[in-house]
Amino acid sequence: MRKIHLIATEESGDRLGSALMRELKARFGDDVIFSGVGGSSMAREGLQSLFPIEQLSIIGLAAVLKKLPSILKLIAQATDDVLRTRPDVLVIIDSPDFTQRVARRVHKRDASIPIVNYVSPTVWAWRPGRAKAMRAYVDHVLALLPFEPEAHRRLGGPPCTYVGHPLIEQIDTLRPTADEQARRDGKPPVLLVLPGSRRSEIRHHMETFGATLDLLRKRGVAFELILPTMPHLVDGISEAVKAWPVQPRIVVGEAEKRAAFRIAHAAFAKSGTVTLELALSGVPMVTAYKAGSVEAWIIRRRITSSSVILANLVIGENVIPEFIQEDCTAEKLAASLQEALADTPMRRRQVEAMAKLDAIMGIGLAAPSRIAAEVVAAHIRRT
């Protein structure tokens, strides 16, 4: 009987964990049992979580400091649970502030348990010394981004395999049908506006985004504006856009967001994972990012990558404009959006670069969860 212990403490990691569990069950059948920490998706695959992951849904530095004793207690509980279970392999999934601490403690107390890290920490952009430190206690890293294995090799990190981003398995929801492509090419062009997925991001961006759209309108640029958001943010978004001179159509939920992507001619987005979603959908974009003064000070001193735009990093060239902090002004953003909406060299360059993503990311090859399961299976210790 194979014993596999998994730890995922966020919704995104829970989805990765459930897909991995399905593949491992397909491989081993009844000859596998799971233990660890996960959410509702992993529970449906048979995991009884040590504690509800909602206990770790903490946002903001002040909230983290306030709950630090309980967080440390959960780290200790998760570590003890691994050692009590004595699994054939431990898989830690994303959430490095929690899972890496558990992994270090487990390795210190029982170095015979193989540890696989699913989702590489962003060592290529932030605190690169983590890669070399991880080599002491992580046996293998499963990377979502194609440039990460080389980053770990260069930085002295653990062995690393590119398994693929979960977006690969959702590609059909991002690519337009013939009718949707006709709307994407039609008039007026659909412009998506994506100010962020956290309340703090929305607070920092809404005024500048509204002023930018007003400038576009005053310059005679025609567009149909759509703003995708999630249910827990819709009230705040609806209130904030009342101050905008241009009113968007607000669509709610993941399915509606993807439907908007499929007809979009261009996008105005806060930097983040959404830039990779847009790029895979073939939507040219302009990106912006504003943070509070303390966060901005930290970012300037610690970010080491050539771009903060995930799509640029995957493509391997900075084709997507990014306007950060003091550059994030309505005048600069509006000028760049005019280029993205029209048939310009900037827009054509983005479209051509995005067309390379299928080859770069291995779209159409094996599913990421299947490749991940193969690596995990290879690290199951033989007793």
Protein backbone atom coordinates (compact mmCIF):
# COMPACT_ATOMS: atom_id res chain seq x y z
CA MET A 1 0.00 0.00 0.00
CA ARG A 2 1.40 3.39 -1.01
CA LYS A 3 0.93 6.15 1.55
CA ILE A 4 0.95 9.66 0.04
CA HIS A 5 0.75 12.75 2.25
CA LEU A 6 -0.28 16.04 0.63
CA ILE A 7 -0.41 19.57 2.07
CA ALA A 8 -2.31 22.33 0.27
CA THR A 9 -3.62 25.36 2.16
CA GLU A 10 -5.14 27.54 -0.60
CA GLU A 11 -7.95 27.00 -3.10
CA SER A 12 -5.59 26.97 -6.10
CA GLY A 13 -3.38 24.37 -4.41
CA ASP A 14 -6.45 22.35 -3.46
CA ARG A 15 -7.40 22.14 -7.17
CA LEU A 16 -3.88 21.03 -8.11
CA GLY A 17 -3.90 18.47 -5.32
CA SER A 18 -7.24 16.97 -6.35
CA ALA A 19 -6.11 16.55 -9.97
CA LEU A 20 -2.89 14.92 -8.77
CA MET A 21 -4.84 12.56 -6.51
CA ARG A 22 -7.06 11.49 -9.43
CA GLU A 23 -4.02 10.64 -11.52
CA LEU A 24 -2.37 8.75 -8.67
CA LYS A 25 -5.57 6.75 -8.12
CA ALA A 26 -5.67 5.96 -11.83
CA ARG A 27 -2.09 4.71 -11.56
CA PHE A 28 -2.29 2.76 -8.28
CA GLY A 29 -6.00 1.95 -7.96
CA ASP A 30 -6.88 0.73 -4.47
CA ASP A 31 -3.19 0.42 -3.60
CA VAL A 32 -2.88 4.03 -2.39
CA ILE A 33 -4.10 5.95 0.65
CA PHE A 34 -3.96 9.73 1.13
CA SER A 35 -3.49 11.86 4.21
CA GLY A 36 -2.69 15.49 4.92
CA VAL A 37 -4.25 18.93 4.52
CA GLY A 38 -6.53 20.12 1.73
CA GLY A 39 -9.81 21.72 0.80
CA SER A 40 -13.12 20.64 -0.68
CA SER A 41 -11.71 19.43 -4.02
CA MET A 42 -9.21 17.11 -2.33
CA ALA A 43 -11.91 15.94 0.07
CA ARG A 44 -13.97 14.77 -2.92
CA GLU A 45 -10.98 12.62 -3.93
CA GLY A 46 -10.84 10.98 -0.52
CA LEU A 47 -8.65 13.21 1.67
CA GLN A 48 -9.72 13.79 5.26
CA SER A 49 -7.99 17.07 6.06
CA LEU A 50 -6.13 17.48 9.33
CA PHE A 51 -7.77 20.92 9.71
CA PRO A 52 -9.94 23.22 7.53
CA ILE A 53 -7.74 25.28 5.21
CA GLU A 54 -10.01 28.27 5.85
CA GLN A 55 -8.06 28.71 9.09
CA LEU A 56 -5.19 29.98 6.93
CA SER A 57 -7.24 32.42 4.81
CA ILE A 58 -5.46 35.44 6.25
CA ILE A 59 -4.93 38.66 4.28
CA GLY A 60 -2.68 41.53 5.30
CA LEU A 61 0.46 41.82 7.41
CA ALA A 62 -1.40 42.98 10.51
CA ALA A 63 -3.76 40.00 10.37
CA VAL A 64 -0.86 37.58 9.91
CA LEU A 65 1.00 39.02 12.93
CA LYS A 66 -2.15 38.81 15.03
CA LYS A 67 -2.69 35.15 14.14
CA LEU A 68 0.98 34.12 14.12
CA PRO A 69 0.72 31.90 17.24
CA SER A 70 -2.14 29.90 15.70
CA ILE A 71 -0.29 29.65 12.37
CA LEU A 72 2.81 28.29 14.10
CA LYS A 73 0.62 25.81 15.96
CA LEU A 74 -0.87 24.57 12.67
CA ILE A 75 2.65 24.20 11.19
CA ALA A 76 3.62 22.06 14.19
CA GLN A 77 0.43 19.98 13.89
CA ALA A 78 1.00 19.40 10.18
CA THR A 79 4.62 18.37 10.82
CA ASP A 80 3.65 15.94 13.59
CA ASP A 81 0.94 14.46 11.35
CA VAL A 82 3.46 13.70 8.60
CA LEU A 83 5.83 12.04 11.05
CA ARG A 84 3.02 10.05 12.65
CA THR A 85 1.77 8.88 9.23
CA ARG A 86 5.29 8.08 7.93
CA PRO A 87 4.23 8.38 4.26
CA ASP A 88 6.14 7.01 1.30
CA VAL A 89 6.27 10.56 -0.10
CA LEU A 90 5.26 14.04 1.09
CA VAL A 91 3.89 16.45 -1.55
CA ILE A 92 3.78 20.11 -0.51
CA ILE A 93 1.64 22.25 -2.82
CA ASP A 94 2.32 25.98 -3.22
CA SER A 95 1.75 28.26 -0.14
CA PRO A 96 5.52 28.34 0.57
CA ASP A 97 5.26 30.39 3.77
CA PHE A 98 3.45 27.41 5.32
CA THR A 99 4.45 24.32 3.37
CA GLN A 100 8.20 25.01 3.21
CA ARG A 101 8.32 25.35 6.97
CA VAL A 102 6.59 22.00 7.36
CA ALA A 103 8.98 20.40 4.85
CA ARG A 104 12.07 21.69 6.68
CA ARG A 105 10.83 20.38 10.01
CA VAL A 106 9.89 16.99 8.57
CA HIS A 107 13.28 16.56 6.89
CA LYS A 108 15.11 17.53 10.07
CA ARG A 109 13.28 14.87 12.08
CA ASP A 110 13.06 12.13 9.41
CA ALA A 111 15.27 12.63 6.36
CA SER A 112 14.12 9.32 4.85
CA ILE A 113 10.75 10.78 3.73
CA PRO A 114 11.02 12.03 0.11
CA ILE A 115 9.61 15.54 -0.35
CA VAL A 116 8.18 16.79 -3.66
CA ASN A 117 7.34 20.50 -3.99
CA TYR A 118 4.43 21.09 -6.41
CA VAL A 119 4.59 24.73 -7.64
CA SER A 120 7.98 26.36 -7.39
CA PRO A 121 8.35 29.40 -5.18
CA THR A 122 9.14 32.46 -7.32
CA VAL A 123 12.89 32.19 -6.76
CA TRP A 124 13.46 33.70 -10.23
CA ALA A 125 11.86 36.98 -9.10
CA TRP A 126 12.01 37.13 -5.32
CA ARG A 127 14.60 35.93 -2.79
CA PRO A 128 16.66 33.74 -5.17
CA GLY A 129 18.63 32.28 -2.27
CA ARG A 130 15.60 30.12 -1.44
CA ALA A 131 16.42 27.82 -4.36
CA LYS A 132 19.77 26.72 -2.93
CA ALA A 133 18.29 26.46 0.58
CA MET A 134 15.50 24.17 -0.70
CA ARG A 135 18.03 21.70 -2.07
CA ALA A 136 18.80 20.60 1.50
CA TYR A 137 15.28 19.26 2.15
CA VAL A 138 13.32 19.09 -1.15
CA ASP A 139 13.96 16.13 -3.45
CA HIS A 140 12.15 17.44 -6.53
CA VAL A 141 10.25 20.53 -7.68
CA LEU A 142 7.27 20.34 -10.04
CA ALA A 143 7.21 23.60 -12.02
CA LEU A 144 4.18 25.27 -13.60
CA LEU A 145 6.25 27.60 -15.79
CA PRO A 146 8.62 26.44 -18.54
CA PHE A 147 11.56 28.66 -17.52
CA GLU A 148 11.63 27.48 -13.90
CA PRO A 149 13.79 24.32 -14.31
CA GLU A 150 16.60 26.44 -15.78
CA ALA A 151 16.16 29.00 -12.97
CA HIS A 152 16.61 26.28 -10.34
CA ARG A 153 19.65 24.89 -12.16
CA ARG A 154 21.21 28.36 -12.35
CA LEU A 155 20.47 29.15 -8.70
CA GLY A 156 21.58 25.77 -7.34
CA GLY A 157 18.09 24.56 -6.47
CA PRO A 158 16.69 21.02 -6.32
CA PRO A 159 16.04 18.93 -9.46
CA CYS A 160 13.09 20.53 -11.21
CA THR A 161 10.65 19.26 -13.88
CA TYR A 162 8.28 21.40 -15.91
CA VAL A 163 4.91 19.65 -15.69
CA GLY A 164 2.76 22.44 -17.16
CA HIS A 165 0.39 25.11 -15.93
CA PRO A 166 -3.19 24.10 -14.98
CA LEU A 167 -4.43 26.62 -17.58
CA ILE A 168 -3.25 24.13 -20.22
CA GLU A 169 -6.08 21.79 -19.22
CA GLN A 170 -8.58 24.66 -19.57
CA ILE A 171 -7.42 25.99 -22.92
CA ASP A 172 -10.74 25.36 -24.68
CA THR A 173 -12.44 27.81 -22.32
CA LEU A 174 -9.99 30.55 -23.37
CA ARG A 175 -9.99 30.18 -27.17
CA PRO A 176 -12.85 31.74 -29.22
CA THR A 177 -15.27 29.91 -31.49
CA ALA A 178 -15.81 31.25 -35.02
CA ASP A 179 -18.71 33.43 -33.84
CA GLU A 180 -16.72 34.70 -30.86
CA GLN A 181 -13.76 35.48 -33.11
CA ALA A 182 -16.08 37.51 -35.34
CA ARG A 183 -17.15 39.57 -32.31
CA ARG A 184 -13.50 39.92 -31.24
CA ASP A 185 -12.75 41.43 -34.66
CA GLY A 186 -15.97 43.48 -34.75
CA LYS A 187 -16.85 47.09 -33.85
CA PRO A 188 -16.81 48.63 -31.37
CA PRO A 189 -13.90 46.61 -29.98
CA VAL A 190 -14.46 44.89 -26.65
CA LEU A 191 -12.05 46.19 -24.01
CA LEU A 192 -11.68 44.17 -20.82
CA VAL A 193 -10.74 45.97 -17.63
CA LEU A 194 -9.28 43.83 -14.82
CA PRO A 195 -8.28 45.94 -11.80
CA GLY A 196 -7.39 43.00 -9.52
CA SER A 197 -8.73 40.07 -7.53
CA ARG A 198 -8.05 41.42 -4.03
CA ARG A 199 -9.76 44.33 -2.33
CA SER A 200 -6.43 46.08 -1.67
CA GLU A 201 -5.50 45.85 -5.37
CA ILE A 202 -8.86 47.23 -6.42
CA ARG A 203 -8.52 50.11 -3.96
CA HIS A 204 -5.12 51.06 -5.41
CA HIS A 205 -6.18 50.82 -9.06
CA MET A 206 -9.76 51.99 -9.51
CA GLU A 207 -9.16 55.76 -9.63
CA THR A 208 -6.32 55.50 -12.16
CA PHE A 209 -8.21 52.96 -14.27
CA GLY A 210 -11.28 55.21 -14.39
CA ALA A 211 -9.22 58.27 -15.36
CA THR A 212 -7.50 56.27 -18.10
CA LEU A 213 -10.80 55.16 -19.62
CA ASP A 214 -12.09 58.73 -19.46
CA LEU A 215 -9.05 59.93 -21.41
CA LEU A 216 -9.63 57.26 -24.07
CA ARG A 217 -13.25 58.35 -24.43
CA LYS A 218 -12.28 62.03 -24.70
CA ARG A 219 -9.79 61.17 -27.44
CA GLY A 220 -12.60 59.64 -29.48
CA VAL A 221 -11.59 56.01 -29.01
CA ALA A 222 -14.65 53.77 -29.28
CA PHE A 223 -14.90 50.63 -27.15
CA GLU A 224 -17.34 48.36 -25.36
CA LEU A 225 -16.18 48.00 -21.77
CA ILE A 226 -16.53 44.73 -19.81
CA LEU A 227 -15.29 44.24 -16.25
CA PRO A 228 -15.13 40.60 -15.05
CA THR A 229 -15.09 40.03 -11.30
CA MET A 230 -15.92 37.42 -8.68
CA PRO A 231 -19.04 37.20 -6.47
CA HIS A 232 -17.30 38.29 -3.25
CA LEU A 233 -16.01 41.47 -4.95
CA VAL A 234 -19.01 42.53 -6.99
CA ASP A 235 -20.54 44.92 -4.43
CA GLY A 236 -17.28 46.82 -3.95
CA ILE A 237 -16.62 46.95 -7.69
CA SER A 238 -20.16 48.15 -8.45
CA GLU A 239 -19.80 50.95 -5.92
CA ALA A 240 -16.33 51.99 -7.14
CA VAL A 241 -17.25 52.21 -10.85
CA LYS A 242 -20.02 54.71 -10.08
CA ALA A 243 -17.28 57.35 -10.10
CA TRP A 244 -16.08 56.32 -13.56
CA PRO A 245 -17.15 58.54 -16.49
CA VAL A 246 -17.35 55.36 -18.60
CA GLN A 247 -19.56 52.62 -17.19
CA PRO A 248 -18.56 48.97 -17.77
CA ARG A 249 -20.76 45.92 -18.09
CA ILE A 250 -19.90 43.89 -15.00
CA VAL A 251 -19.85 40.11 -15.44
CA VAL A 252 -19.55 37.79 -12.45
CA GLY A 253 -17.91 34.39 -12.05
CA GLU A 254 -15.24 32.32 -13.79
CA ALA A 255 -17.42 31.14 -16.69
CA GLU A 256 -18.53 34.69 -17.53
CA LYS A 257 -14.94 35.91 -17.29
CA ARG A 258 -13.72 33.31 -19.78
CA ALA A 259 -16.64 34.14 -22.12
CA ALA A 260 -15.53 37.79 -22.03
CA PHE A 261 -11.94 36.77 -22.78
CA ARG A 262 -13.09 34.93 -25.90
CA ILE A 263 -14.61 38.06 -27.46
CA ALA A 264 -12.12 40.64 -26.17
CA HIS A 265 -10.12 42.73 -28.63
CA ALA A 266 -7.78 44.09 -25.93
CA ALA A 267 -7.41 44.21 -22.15
CA PHE A 268 -6.38 46.67 -19.47
CA ALA A 269 -5.18 44.53 -16.57
CA LYS A 270 -3.45 44.55 -13.24
CA SER A 271 -0.30 42.44 -13.47
CA GLY A 272 -0.62 38.85 -12.25
CA THR A 273 -1.65 35.37 -13.40
CA VAL A 274 -4.45 36.95 -15.44
CA THR A 275 -1.83 38.17 -17.94
CA LEU A 276 -1.01 34.55 -18.81
CA GLU A 277 -4.73 33.74 -19.18
CA LEU A 278 -5.13 36.68 -21.55
CA ALA A 279 -2.03 35.74 -23.53
CA LEU A 280 -3.23 32.14 -23.96
CA SER A 281 -6.54 33.57 -25.17
CA GLY A 282 -4.65 35.75 -27.68
CA VAL A 283 -5.78 39.08 -26.20
CA PRO A 284 -3.25 41.97 -26.49
CA MET A 285 -3.04 43.98 -23.30
CA VAL A 286 -1.62 46.86 -21.31
CA THR A 287 -0.75 46.16 -17.68
CA ALA A 288 -0.53 48.31 -14.59
CA TYR A 289 0.41 47.90 -10.96
CA LYS A 290 0.15 50.25 -8.00
CA ALA A 291 0.92 49.32 -4.41
CA GLY A 292 1.12 51.05 -1.07
CA SER A 293 4.37 52.88 -0.27
CA VAL A 294 5.75 50.16 2.04
CA GLU A 295 4.99 47.33 -0.41
CA ALA A 296 6.46 49.35 -3.30
CA TRP A 297 9.65 49.97 -1.33
CA ILE A 298 10.04 46.24 -0.64
CA ILE A 299 9.32 45.26 -4.26
CA ARG A 300 11.87 47.69 -5.70
CA ARG A 301 14.64 46.29 -3.51
CA ARG A 302 13.89 42.59 -3.85
CA ILE A 303 12.46 41.85 -7.31
CA THR A 304 15.21 40.44 -9.56
CA SER A 305 13.33 39.49 -12.76
CA SER A 306 13.36 41.55 -15.98
CA SER A 307 9.58 41.93 -15.88
CA VAL A 308 6.76 41.55 -13.36
CA ILE A 309 4.39 40.39 -16.12
CA LEU A 310 4.04 36.60 -16.04
CA ALA A 311 3.15 36.42 -19.74
CA ASN A 312 6.35 38.30 -20.66
CA LEU A 313 8.44 35.90 -18.58
CA VAL A 314 6.89 32.83 -20.21
CA ILE A 315 7.16 34.27 -23.73
CA GLY A 316 10.77 35.24 -23.06
CA GLU A 317 10.56 38.86 -24.21
CA ASN A 318 8.91 41.99 -22.86
CA VAL A 319 6.21 42.43 -25.49
CA ILE A 320 3.46 43.48 -23.06
CA PRO A 321 3.74 47.05 -21.73
CA GLU A 322 3.86 47.39 -17.96
CA PHE A 323 3.32 50.61 -16.03
CA ILE A 324 4.34 50.33 -12.37
CA GLN A 325 3.97 52.80 -9.47
CA GLU A 326 4.90 56.32 -10.68
CA ASP A 327 4.61 55.19 -14.33
CA CYS A 328 1.04 54.06 -13.67
CA THR A 329 -0.60 57.30 -14.86
CA ALA A 330 -3.75 57.86 -16.91
CA GLU A 331 -1.80 59.67 -19.65
CA LYS A 332 0.72 56.87 -20.19
CA LEU A 333 -1.85 54.11 -19.89
CA ALA A 334 -4.33 55.73 -22.28
CA ALA A 335 -1.66 56.23 -24.95
CA SER A 336 -0.61 52.58 -24.70
CA LEU A 337 -4.21 51.32 -24.76
CA GLN A 338 -4.86 53.28 -27.96
CA GLU A 339 -2.05 51.27 -29.54
CA ALA A 340 -3.39 47.98 -28.18
CA LEU A 341 -6.87 48.68 -29.58
CA ALA A 342 -5.69 49.70 -33.05
CA ASP A 343 -3.78 47.85 -35.79
CA THR A 344 -0.32 48.96 -34.67
CA PRO A 345 3.16 47.39 -34.55
CA MET A 346 2.78 47.04 -30.75
CA ARG A 347 -0.45 45.07 -31.10
CA ARG A 348 0.90 42.89 -33.93
CA ARG A 349 4.05 42.13 -31.94
CA GLN A 350 1.97 40.90 -29.01
CA VAL A 351 -0.26 38.73 -31.21
CA GLU A 352 2.77 37.12 -32.89
CA ALA A 353 4.47 36.46 -29.53
CA MET A 354 1.32 34.95 -28.01
CA ALA A 355 1.05 32.55 -30.94
CA LYS A 356 4.29 30.92 -29.72
CA LEU A 357 2.82 29.96 -26.34
CA ASP A 358 1.44 26.59 -27.46
CA ALA A 359 4.94 25.41 -28.31
CA ILE A 360 6.59 27.09 -25.31
CA MET A 361 4.12 25.62 -22.78
CA GLY A 362 3.64 22.22 -24.41
CA ILE A 363 -0.07 22.66 -25.05
CA GLY A 364 -1.55 19.53 -26.61
CA LEU A 365 0.92 17.19 -24.91
CA ALA A 366 0.34 15.23 -21.67
CA ALA A 367 -1.83 16.81 -18.98
CA PRO A 368 0.16 18.56 -16.21
CA SER A 369 -1.45 16.43 -13.50
CA ARG A 370 -0.38 13.25 -15.30
CA ILE A 371 3.25 14.36 -15.59
CA ALA A 372 3.17 15.45 -11.93
CA ALA A 373 1.84 12.03 -10.90
CA GLU A 374 4.67 10.31 -12.78
CA VAL A 375 7.29 12.32 -10.88
CA VAL A 376 5.59 11.75 -7.52
CA ALA A 377 5.31 8.01 -8.22
CA ALA A 378 9.01 7.90 -9.05
CA HIS A 379 9.84 9.36 -5.63
CA ILE A 380 7.78 6.94 -3.58
CA ARG A 381 10.30 5.29 -1.32
CA ARG A 382 10.65 1.55 -1.47
CA THR A 383 10.35 -0.09 1.94
